[in-house]
C-alpha atoms as a PDB file:
ATOM      1  CA  MET A   1      31.366 130.710 -38.540  1.00  0.00           C
ATOM      2  CA  LYS A   2      27.886 129.295 -38.019  1.00  0.00           C
ATOM      3  CA  TYR A   3      24.974 130.162 -40.288  1.00  0.00           C
ATOM      4  CA  GLY A   4      21.360 129.181 -40.666  1.00  0.00           C
ATOM      5  CA  ILE A   5      20.232 128.823 -44.266  1.00  0.00           C
ATOM      6  CA  ILE A   6      16.521 128.979 -45.067  1.00  0.00           C
ATOM      7  CA  ALA A   7      16.404 126.705 -48.107  1.00  0.00           C
ATOM      8  CA  GLY A   8      13.891 127.282 -50.876  1.00  0.00           C
ATOM      9  CA  ASN A   9      13.870 125.606 -54.261  1.00  0.00           C
ATOM     10  CA  GLY A  10      16.555 125.377 -56.936  1.00  0.00           C
ATOM     11  CA  ARG A  11      20.332 125.070 -56.777  1.00  0.00           C
ATOM     12  CA  PHE A  12      20.966 128.244 -54.765  1.00  0.00           C
ATOM     13  CA  PRO A  13      20.644 126.690 -51.266  1.00  0.00           C
ATOM     14  CA  VAL A  14      22.640 123.588 -52.239  1.00  0.00           C
ATOM     15  CA  LEU A  15      25.512 125.691 -53.580  1.00  0.00           C
ATOM     16  CA  ALA A  16      25.460 127.925 -50.482  1.00  0.00           C
ATOM     17  CA  LEU A  17      25.592 124.873 -48.182  1.00  0.00           C
ATOM     18  CA  GLU A  18      28.400 123.274 -50.218  1.00  0.00           C
ATOM     19  CA  THR A  19      30.421 126.483 -50.102  1.00  0.00           C
ATOM     20  CA  ALA A  20      29.981 126.800 -46.340  1.00  0.00           C
ATOM     21  CA  ARG A  21      31.224 123.236 -45.858  1.00  0.00           C
ATOM     22  CA  LYS A  22      34.269 123.821 -48.089  1.00  0.00           C
ATOM     23  CA  GLN A  23      35.127 126.961 -46.135  1.00  0.00           C
ATOM     24  CA  GLY A  24      34.864 125.137 -42.825  1.00  0.00           C
ATOM     25  CA  ASP A  25      31.760 127.055 -41.782  1.00  0.00           C
ATOM     26  CA  GLU A  26      28.906 125.302 -40.027  1.00  0.00           C
ATOM     27  CA  ALA A  27      25.694 125.737 -41.998  1.00  0.00           C
ATOM     28  CA  VAL A  28      22.403 124.447 -40.646  1.00  0.00           C
ATOM     29  CA  ALA A  29      19.617 124.095 -43.209  1.00  0.00           C
ATOM     30  CA  ILE A  30      16.076 125.083 -42.342  1.00  0.00           C
ATOM     31  CA  ALA A  31      14.405 123.608 -45.404  1.00  0.00           C
ATOM     32  CA  ILE A  32      10.970 124.701 -46.579  1.00  0.00           C
ATOM     33  CA  ARG A  33       8.993 121.500 -47.012  1.00  0.00           C
ATOM     34  CA  GLU A  34       6.935 122.827 -49.917  1.00  0.00           C
ATOM     35  CA  GLU A  35       9.985 124.003 -51.874  1.00  0.00           C
ATOM     36  CA  ALA A  36      13.392 122.589 -50.948  1.00  0.00           C
ATOM     37  CA  SER A  37      15.111 119.561 -52.467  1.00  0.00           C
ATOM     38  CA  GLN A  38      16.063 116.532 -50.382  1.00  0.00           C
ATOM     39  CA  GLU A  39      19.626 117.236 -51.548  1.00  0.00           C
ATOM     40  CA  VAL A  40      20.018 119.893 -48.856  1.00  0.00           C
ATOM     41  CA  GLU A  41      20.099 117.144 -46.227  1.00  0.00           C
ATOM     42  CA  GLN A  42      23.254 115.718 -47.816  1.00  0.00           C
ATOM     43  CA  VAL A  43      25.270 118.949 -47.714  1.00  0.00           C
ATOM     44  CA  ALA A  44      24.060 120.628 -44.513  1.00  0.00           C
ATOM     45  CA  ALA A  45      25.647 120.151 -41.102  1.00  0.00           C
ATOM     46  CA  ARG A  46      22.102 119.451 -39.901  1.00  0.00           C
ATOM     47  CA  CYS A  47      18.735 119.871 -41.566  1.00  0.00           C
ATOM     48  CA  TYR A  48      15.335 120.768 -40.125  1.00  0.00           C
ATOM     49  CA  TRP A  49      12.166 120.721 -42.240  1.00  0.00           C
ATOM     50  CA  VAL A  50       9.514 123.380 -41.718  1.00  0.00           C
ATOM     51  CA  SER A  51       6.374 124.337 -43.597  1.00  0.00           C
ATOM     52  CA  LEU A  52       5.612 127.761 -44.977  1.00  0.00           C
ATOM     53  CA  GLY A  53       4.181 129.836 -42.182  1.00  0.00           C
ATOM     54  CA  GLU A  54       5.989 128.145 -39.248  1.00  0.00           C
ATOM     55  CA  LEU A  55       7.758 131.279 -38.005  1.00  0.00           C
ATOM     56  CA  SER A  56       7.728 130.143 -34.373  1.00  0.00           C
ATOM     57  CA  ARG A  57       9.401 126.858 -35.339  1.00  0.00           C
ATOM     58  CA  LEU A  58      12.057 128.740 -37.321  1.00  0.00           C
ATOM     59  CA  ILE A  59      12.891 130.851 -34.275  1.00  0.00           C
ATOM     60  CA  GLU A  60      12.878 127.779 -32.023  1.00  0.00           C
ATOM     61  CA  ILE A  61      15.408 126.026 -34.291  1.00  0.00           C
ATOM     62  CA  CYS A  62      17.686 129.063 -34.348  1.00  0.00           C
ATOM     63  CA  HIS A  63      17.701 129.253 -30.557  1.00  0.00           C
ATOM     64  CA  LEU A  64      18.264 125.504 -30.259  1.00  0.00           C
ATOM     65  CA  GLU A  65      21.254 125.687 -32.625  1.00  0.00           C
ATOM     66  CA  GLY A  66      22.618 128.961 -31.278  1.00  0.00           C
ATOM     67  CA  ILE A  67      22.185 130.607 -34.684  1.00  0.00           C
ATOM     68  CA  THR A  68      22.435 134.399 -34.700  1.00  0.00           C
ATOM     69  CA  GLN A  69      22.865 134.887 -38.461  1.00  0.00           C
ATOM     70  CA  ILE A  70      20.482 133.455 -41.017  1.00  0.00           C
ATOM     71  CA  MET A  71      20.212 133.855 -44.772  1.00  0.00           C
ATOM     72  CA  MET A  72      17.519 133.097 -47.309  1.00  0.00           C
ATOM     73  CA  ALA A  73      18.663 130.959 -50.245  1.00  0.00           C
ATOM     74  CA  GLY A  74      16.498 129.716 -53.077  1.00  0.00           C
ATOM     75  CA  GLN A  75      13.152 130.705 -54.413  1.00  0.00           C
ATOM     76  CA  VAL A  76       9.801 130.473 -52.722  1.00  0.00           C
ATOM     77  CA  LYS A  77       7.184 131.000 -55.400  1.00  0.00           C
ATOM     78  CA  HIS A  78       5.309 134.229 -54.763  1.00  0.00           C
ATOM     79  CA  ALA A  79       2.001 132.557 -55.489  1.00  0.00           C
ATOM     80  CA  LYS A  80       2.628 130.076 -52.677  1.00  0.00           C
ATOM     81  CA  ILE A  81       3.573 132.812 -50.211  1.00  0.00           C
ATOM     82  CA  PHE A  82       0.129 134.352 -50.448  1.00  0.00           C
ATOM     83  CA  SER A  83      -2.023 131.306 -51.277  1.00  0.00           C
ATOM     84  CA  SER A  84      -0.510 128.135 -49.772  1.00  0.00           C
ATOM     85  CA  ILE A  85       0.836 129.565 -46.527  1.00  0.00           C
ATOM     86  CA  ARG A  86      -0.674 128.275 -43.275  1.00  0.00           C
ATOM     87  CA  PRO A  87       0.537 130.816 -40.715  1.00  0.00           C
ATOM     88  CA  ASP A  88       1.190 129.988 -37.072  1.00  0.00           C
ATOM     89  CA  TRP A  89       0.142 132.447 -34.356  1.00  0.00           C
ATOM     90  CA  LYS A  90       3.362 134.477 -34.587  1.00  0.00           C
ATOM     91  CA  LEU A  91       3.117 134.886 -38.343  1.00  0.00           C
ATOM     92  CA  VAL A  92      -0.598 135.704 -38.095  1.00  0.00           C
ATOM     93  CA  LYS A  93       0.359 138.723 -35.953  1.00  0.00           C
ATOM     94  CA  VAL A  94       2.861 139.761 -38.640  1.00  0.00           C
ATOM     95  CA  LEU A  95       0.364 139.358 -41.491  1.00  0.00           C
ATOM     96  CA  VAL A  96      -2.390 141.303 -39.742  1.00  0.00           C
ATOM     97  CA  ALA A  97      -0.055 144.257 -39.293  1.00  0.00           C
ATOM     98  CA  LEU A  98       1.245 144.331 -42.894  1.00  0.00           C
ATOM     99  CA  PRO A  99       0.623 147.653 -44.663  1.00  0.00           C
ATOM    100  CA  LEU A 100       0.778 145.901 -48.065  1.00  0.00           C
ATOM    101  CA  GLN A 101       0.377 142.260 -49.066  1.00  0.00           C
ATOM    102  CA  ASN A 102       3.660 141.991 -50.964  1.00  0.00           C
ATOM    103  CA  THR A 103       6.989 140.243 -50.450  1.00  0.00           C
ATOM    104  CA  ASP A 104       8.896 143.364 -49.400  1.00  0.00           C
ATOM    105  CA  SER A 105       6.429 144.106 -46.614  1.00  0.00           C
ATOM    106  CA  LEU A 106       6.271 140.486 -45.440  1.00  0.00           C
ATOM    107  CA  ILE A 107      10.027 139.822 -45.343  1.00  0.00           C
ATOM    108  CA  GLY A 108      10.686 143.237 -43.809  1.00  0.00           C
ATOM    109  CA  ALA A 109       8.255 142.461 -40.986  1.00  0.00           C
ATOM    110  CA  ILE A 110       9.739 138.977 -40.454  1.00  0.00           C
ATOM    111  CA  GLN A 111      13.222 140.499 -40.401  1.00  0.00           C
ATOM    112  CA  LYS A 112      12.162 142.736 -37.501  1.00  0.00           C
ATOM    113  CA  VAL A 113      10.656 139.798 -35.584  1.00  0.00           C
ATOM    114  CA  LEU A 114      13.874 137.799 -36.032  1.00  0.00           C
ATOM    115  CA  LEU A 115      16.031 140.729 -34.938  1.00  0.00           C
ATOM    116  CA  ASP A 116      13.951 141.070 -31.778  1.00  0.00           C
ATOM    117  CA  GLU A 117      14.865 137.409 -31.119  1.00  0.00           C
ATOM    118  CA  GLY A 118      18.589 138.110 -31.611  1.00  0.00           C
ATOM    119  CA  ILE A 119      18.685 136.645 -35.134  1.00  0.00           C
ATOM    120  CA  ALA A 120      20.041 138.795 -37.961  1.00  0.00           C
ATOM    121  CA  LEU A 121      18.922 138.245 -41.549  1.00  0.00           C
ATOM    122  CA  VAL A 122      22.113 138.568 -43.614  1.00  0.00           C
ATOM    123  CA  ASP A 123      23.038 138.950 -47.286  1.00  0.00           C
ATOM    124  CA  SER A 124      21.719 135.968 -49.280  1.00  0.00           C
ATOM    125  CA  THR A 125      24.822 135.985 -51.486  1.00  0.00           C
ATOM    126  CA  LEU A 126      27.288 136.103 -48.581  1.00  0.00           C
ATOM    127  CA  LEU A 127      28.678 132.644 -49.384  1.00  0.00           C
ATOM    128  CA  LEU A 128      28.397 132.945 -53.157  1.00  0.00           C
ATOM    129  CA  LYS A 129      29.996 136.278 -54.099  1.00  0.00           C
ATOM    130  CA  PRO A 130      32.120 134.677 -56.887  1.00  0.00           C
ATOM    131  CA  LEU A 131      28.902 133.595 -58.614  1.00  0.00           C
ATOM    132  CA  LEU A 132      27.564 137.136 -59.032  1.00  0.00           C
ATOM    133  CA  ALA A 133      27.424 138.309 -62.634  1.00  0.00           C
ATOM    134  CA  GLU A 134      30.209 140.618 -63.779  1.00  0.00           C
ATOM    135  CA  MET A 135      29.906 143.635 -66.069  1.00  0.00           C
ATOM    136  CA  GLY A 136      30.028 142.998 -69.793  1.00  0.00           C
ATOM    137  CA  ALA A 137      29.669 139.971 -72.038  1.00  0.00           C
ATOM    138  CA  ILE A 138      29.420 136.672 -70.134  1.00  0.00           C
ATOM    139  CA  THR A 139      29.115 134.476 -73.234  1.00  0.00           C
ATOM    140  CA  LYS A 140      31.162 134.218 -76.432  1.00  0.00           C
ATOM    141  CA  ARG A 141      28.481 135.904 -78.483  1.00  0.00           C
ATOM    142  CA  LYS A 142      27.763 139.511 -77.671  1.00  0.00           C
ATOM    143  CA  VAL A 143      24.353 141.090 -78.108  1.00  0.00           C
ATOM    144  CA  ASN A 144      23.739 142.434 -81.605  1.00  0.00           C
ATOM    145  CA  SER A 145      22.378 145.887 -82.399  1.00  0.00           C
ATOM    146  CA  ASP A 146      18.719 144.762 -82.473  1.00  0.00           C
ATOM    147  CA  GLU A 147      19.049 142.937 -79.147  1.00  0.00           C
ATOM    148  CA  GLU A 148      20.871 145.923 -77.680  1.00  0.00           C
ATOM    149  CA  ARG A 149      17.959 148.226 -78.520  1.00  0.00           C
ATOM    150  CA  ASP A 150      15.443 145.732 -77.118  1.00  0.00           C
ATOM    151  CA  ILE A 151      17.472 145.386 -73.920  1.00  0.00           C
ATOM    152  CA  ALA A 152      17.819 149.163 -73.457  1.00  0.00           C
ATOM    153  CA  TYR A 153      14.038 149.478 -73.680  1.00  0.00           C
ATOM    154  CA  GLY A 154      13.377 146.399 -71.549  1.00  0.00           C
ATOM    155  CA  ARG A 155      15.684 147.454 -68.748  1.00  0.00           C
ATOM    156  CA  ARG A 156      13.611 150.526 -67.938  1.00  0.00           C
ATOM    157  CA  ILE A 157      10.473 148.394 -67.739  1.00  0.00           C
ATOM    158  CA  ALA A 158      12.119 145.558 -65.783  1.00  0.00           C
ATOM    159  CA  HIS A 159      13.566 147.876 -63.160  1.00  0.00           C
ATOM    160  CA  ALA A 160      10.252 149.669 -62.724  1.00  0.00           C
ATOM    161  CA  LEU A 161       8.547 146.283 -62.368  1.00  0.00           C
ATOM    162  CA  ALA A 162      11.095 145.041 -59.807  1.00  0.00           C
ATOM    163  CA  SER A 163      10.889 148.257 -57.807  1.00  0.00           C
ATOM    164  CA  LEU A 164       7.143 147.667 -57.405  1.00  0.00           C
ATOM    165  CA  ASP A 165       7.842 144.117 -56.091  1.00  0.00           C
ATOM    166  CA  LEU A 166       5.791 142.585 -58.894  1.00  0.00           C
ATOM    167  CA  GLY A 167       8.382 140.518 -60.757  1.00  0.00           C
ATOM    168  CA  GLN A 168      11.925 140.587 -62.086  1.00  0.00           C
ATOM    169  CA  SER A 169      11.801 139.821 -65.802  1.00  0.00           C
ATOM    170  CA  VAL A 170      10.351 141.135 -69.045  1.00  0.00           C
ATOM    171  CA  ALA A 171      10.344 139.766 -72.604  1.00  0.00           C
ATOM    172  CA  ILE A 172      10.869 142.168 -75.501  1.00  0.00           C
ATOM    173  CA  ALA A 173      10.529 141.701 -79.265  1.00  0.00           C
ATOM    174  CA  ASP A 174      11.145 144.476 -81.824  1.00  0.00           C
ATOM    175  CA  ARG A 175      11.138 147.182 -79.096  1.00  0.00           C
ATOM    176  CA  ALA A 176       7.723 146.037 -77.893  1.00  0.00           C
ATOM    177  CA  CYS A 177       7.111 144.673 -74.405  1.00  0.00           C
ATOM    178  CA  VAL A 178       5.535 141.277 -74.983  1.00  0.00           C
ATOM    179  CA  ALA A 179       5.196 140.013 -71.394  1.00  0.00           C
ATOM    180  CA  LEU A 180       5.865 141.010 -67.799  1.00  0.00           C
ATOM    181  CA  GLU A 181       6.668 138.562 -65.024  1.00  0.00           C
ATOM    182  CA  ALA A 182       4.322 138.457 -62.049  1.00  0.00           C
ATOM    183  CA  MET A 183       3.674 135.642 -59.587  1.00  0.00           C
ATOM    184  CA  GLU A 184       3.983 132.935 -62.262  1.00  0.00           C
ATOM    185  CA  GLY A 185       7.783 133.209 -62.500  1.00  0.00           C
ATOM    186  CA  THR A 186      10.212 133.785 -65.368  1.00  0.00           C
ATOM    187  CA  ASP A 187       9.766 130.416 -67.114  1.00  0.00           C
ATOM    188  CA  ALA A 188       5.989 130.751 -67.367  1.00  0.00           C
ATOM    189  CA  MET A 189       6.343 134.380 -68.472  1.00  0.00           C
ATOM    190  CA  LEU A 190       8.696 133.372 -71.300  1.00  0.00           C
ATOM    191  CA  ARG A 191       6.372 130.618 -72.488  1.00  0.00           C
ATOM    192  CA  ARG A 192       3.471 133.065 -72.481  1.00  0.00           C
ATOM    193  CA  ALA A 193       5.553 135.590 -74.450  1.00  0.00           C
ATOM    194  CA  ALA A 194       6.520 132.976 -77.036  1.00  0.00           C
ATOM    195  CA  SER A 195       2.859 132.083 -77.558  1.00  0.00           C
ATOM    196  CA  LEU A 196       2.024 135.746 -78.232  1.00  0.00           C
ATOM    197  CA  VAL A 197       4.714 136.429 -80.844  1.00  0.00           C
ATOM    198  CA  GLU A 198       5.188 133.041 -82.442  1.00  0.00           C
ATOM    199  CA  GLY A 199       8.295 132.918 -84.629  1.00  0.00           C
ATOM    200  CA  LYS A 200       9.838 136.152 -83.347  1.00  0.00           C
ATOM    201  CA  ARG A 201      13.072 136.281 -81.384  1.00  0.00           C
ATOM    202  CA  LEU A 202      12.775 137.446 -77.781  1.00  0.00           C
ATOM    203  CA  SER A 203      15.216 139.403 -75.662  1.00  0.00           C
ATOM    204  CA  VAL A 204      14.936 138.937 -71.900  1.00  0.00           C
ATOM    205  CA  VAL A 205      15.827 141.385 -69.154  1.00  0.00           C
ATOM    206  CA  LYS A 206      16.049 140.291 -65.520  1.00  0.00           C
ATOM    207  CA  ALA A 207      16.360 143.068 -62.935  1.00  0.00           C
ATOM    208  CA  SER A 208      16.950 143.281 -59.208  1.00  0.00           C
ATOM    209  CA  ALA A 209      14.655 145.350 -57.020  1.00  0.00           C
ATOM    210  CA  ARG A 210      15.908 148.811 -56.145  1.00  0.00           C
ATOM    211  CA  ARG A 211      17.116 147.845 -52.711  1.00  0.00           C
ATOM    212  CA  ARG A 212      20.465 148.553 -51.137  1.00  0.00           C
ATOM    213  CA  HIS A 213      20.607 145.019 -49.782  1.00  0.00           C
ATOM    214  CA  LEU A 214      20.553 141.455 -51.111  1.00  0.00           C
ATOM    215  CA  LEU A 215      18.721 139.892 -48.175  1.00  0.00           C
ATOM    216  CA  PHE A 216      16.081 138.137 -50.284  1.00  0.00           C
ATOM    217  CA  ASP A 217      14.606 137.706 -53.750  1.00  0.00           C
ATOM    218  CA  VAL A 218      18.043 137.829 -55.400  1.00  0.00           C
ATOM    219  CA  PRO A 219      17.755 137.269 -59.170  1.00  0.00           C
ATOM    220  CA  ALA A 220      19.370 134.025 -60.306  1.00  0.00           C
ATOM    221  CA  ILE A 221      19.840 132.208 -63.592  1.00  0.00           C
ATOM    222  CA  GLY A 222      21.156 128.720 -64.267  1.00  0.00           C
ATOM    223  CA  PRO A 223      21.353 126.045 -66.972  1.00  0.00           C
ATOM    224  CA  HIS A 224      17.574 125.551 -66.829  1.00  0.00           C
ATOM    225  CA  THR A 225      17.162 129.229 -67.785  1.00  0.00           C
ATOM    226  CA  ILE A 226      18.995 128.501 -71.042  1.00  0.00           C
ATOM    227  CA  ASP A 227      16.797 125.452 -71.703  1.00  0.00           C
ATOM    228  CA  VAL A 228      13.677 127.606 -71.432  1.00  0.00           C
ATOM    229  CA  MET A 229      15.211 130.362 -73.586  1.00  0.00           C
ATOM    230  CA  VAL A 230      15.953 127.831 -76.327  1.00  0.00           C
ATOM    231  CA  GLU A 231      12.399 126.468 -76.050  1.00  0.00           C
ATOM    232  CA  THR A 232      10.894 129.951 -76.359  1.00  0.00           C
ATOM    233  CA  ASN A 233      13.164 131.347 -79.090  1.00  0.00           C
ATOM    234  CA  ALA A 234      14.884 133.867 -76.795  1.00  0.00           C
ATOM    235  CA  SER A 235      18.317 134.904 -78.037  1.00  0.00           C
ATOM    236  CA  ALA A 236      19.627 137.400 -75.477  1.00  0.00           C
ATOM    237  CA  LEU A 237      19.535 137.890 -71.719  1.00  0.00           C
ATOM    238  CA  ALA A 238      20.591 140.973 -69.744  1.00  0.00           C
ATOM    239  CA  VAL A 239      21.095 140.834 -65.966  1.00  0.00           C
ATOM    240  CA  ASP A 240      22.230 143.245 -63.268  1.00  0.00           C
ATOM    241  CA  ALA A 241      25.952 142.881 -62.643  1.00  0.00           C
ATOM    242  CA  GLY A 242      26.874 142.326 -58.995  1.00  0.00           C
ATOM    243  CA  ARG A 243      23.258 141.553 -58.103  1.00  0.00           C
ATOM    244  CA  THR A 244      22.423 138.400 -60.102  1.00  0.00           C
ATOM    245  CA  LEU A 245      23.632 134.881 -59.288  1.00  0.00           C
ATOM    246  CA  LEU A 246      24.935 132.655 -62.075  1.00  0.00           C
ATOM    247  CA  LEU A 247      24.217 129.206 -60.666  1.00  0.00           C
ATOM    248  CA  ASP A 248      26.309 126.303 -61.993  1.00  0.00           C
ATOM    249  CA  ARG A 249      28.064 128.969 -64.015  1.00  0.00           C
ATOM    250  CA  ASP A 250      30.299 126.726 -66.173  1.00  0.00           C
ATOM    251  CA  GLU A 251      27.378 124.602 -67.362  1.00  0.00           C
ATOM    252  CA  LEU A 252      25.245 127.716 -67.835  1.00  0.00           C
ATOM    253  CA  VAL A 253      27.816 129.422 -70.073  1.00  0.00           C
ATOM    254  CA  VAL A 254      28.553 126.264 -72.090  1.00  0.00           C
ATOM    255  CA  LYS A 255      24.835 125.750 -72.772  1.00  0.00           C
ATOM    256  CA  ALA A 256      24.395 129.390 -73.791  1.00  0.00           C
ATOM    257  CA  ASN A 257      27.419 129.261 -76.098  1.00  0.00           C
ATOM    258  CA  VAL A 258      26.205 126.080 -77.787  1.00  0.00           C
ATOM    259  CA  ALA A 259      22.768 127.640 -78.295  1.00  0.00           C
ATOM    260  CA  GLY A 260      24.208 130.947 -79.547  1.00  0.00           C
ATOM    261  CA  ILE A 261      22.534 132.870 -76.724  1.00  0.00           C
ATOM    262  CA  ALA A 262      24.126 136.133 -75.580  1.00  0.00           C
ATOM    263  CA  ILE A 263      24.234 136.962 -71.852  1.00  0.00           C
ATOM    264  CA  VAL A 264      25.412 140.359 -70.663  1.00  0.00           C
ATOM    265  CA  GLY A 265      25.882 141.881 -67.198  1.00  0.00           C
ATOM    266  CA  MET A 266      24.918 145.543 -66.935  1.00  0.00           C
ATOM    267  CA  GLU A 267      25.069 148.191 -64.246  1.00  0.00           C
ATOM    268  CA  ALA A 268      21.871 148.170 -62.200  1.00  0.00           C
ATOM    269  CA  LEU A 269      19.662 151.194 -62.717  1.00  0.00           C
ATOM    270  CA  GLY A 270      19.395 153.287 -59.561  1.00  0.00           C
END
């Protein structure tokens, strides 16, 4: 099978490309210059570099390579999408017609443009299904009763936040919502939360948007997530089972176990 992989930042695109190669699939990377790591060049069948906003070039590459299925892998910071983007003429037409200036509207409109060109946007996790979080405790330590209450409260807020396409994560301490994620990302949100409740333990909830698909903006955690949790005195993390990627899972779990952090997969709220 042949895929195009739009590579953003982080380990997600590298793991997707490595998996495709191991399976004997041909995966062509279309790497976002402002986000992707040079490592994608080493694991892709071929790699093309594009800047944010070069929709026409993306389509041109797909036609050149005979790509009819393309997936988005890796993060593109929301702040960059709406501040650093330099749209070409095709994307300008998309942006002018957007009903709302949010990620859902933008990607939905791009998806339609691609489909009109014979290119289907497919499930971002298609090559990485084994890395999706399972239900229940993922680490040795399970959440305690205080963390459980914080998580139950935080999940309602996190899912409401995600459904509005504003962010994915919230930080809770003593059944109080300390911080909500917006364009700054989870790491910055956690650091802000820690500065507001110095000395208190935080529980973190990461939620997926209430979509039936996993075409984009799939929640992901990795070893770096644990590093930031340790830095910010966060002791528990709840994620949506079946809808959250555990990148470099073995290292992630080992780090969490050493730090005494509890990670749990829970059924996504509908």
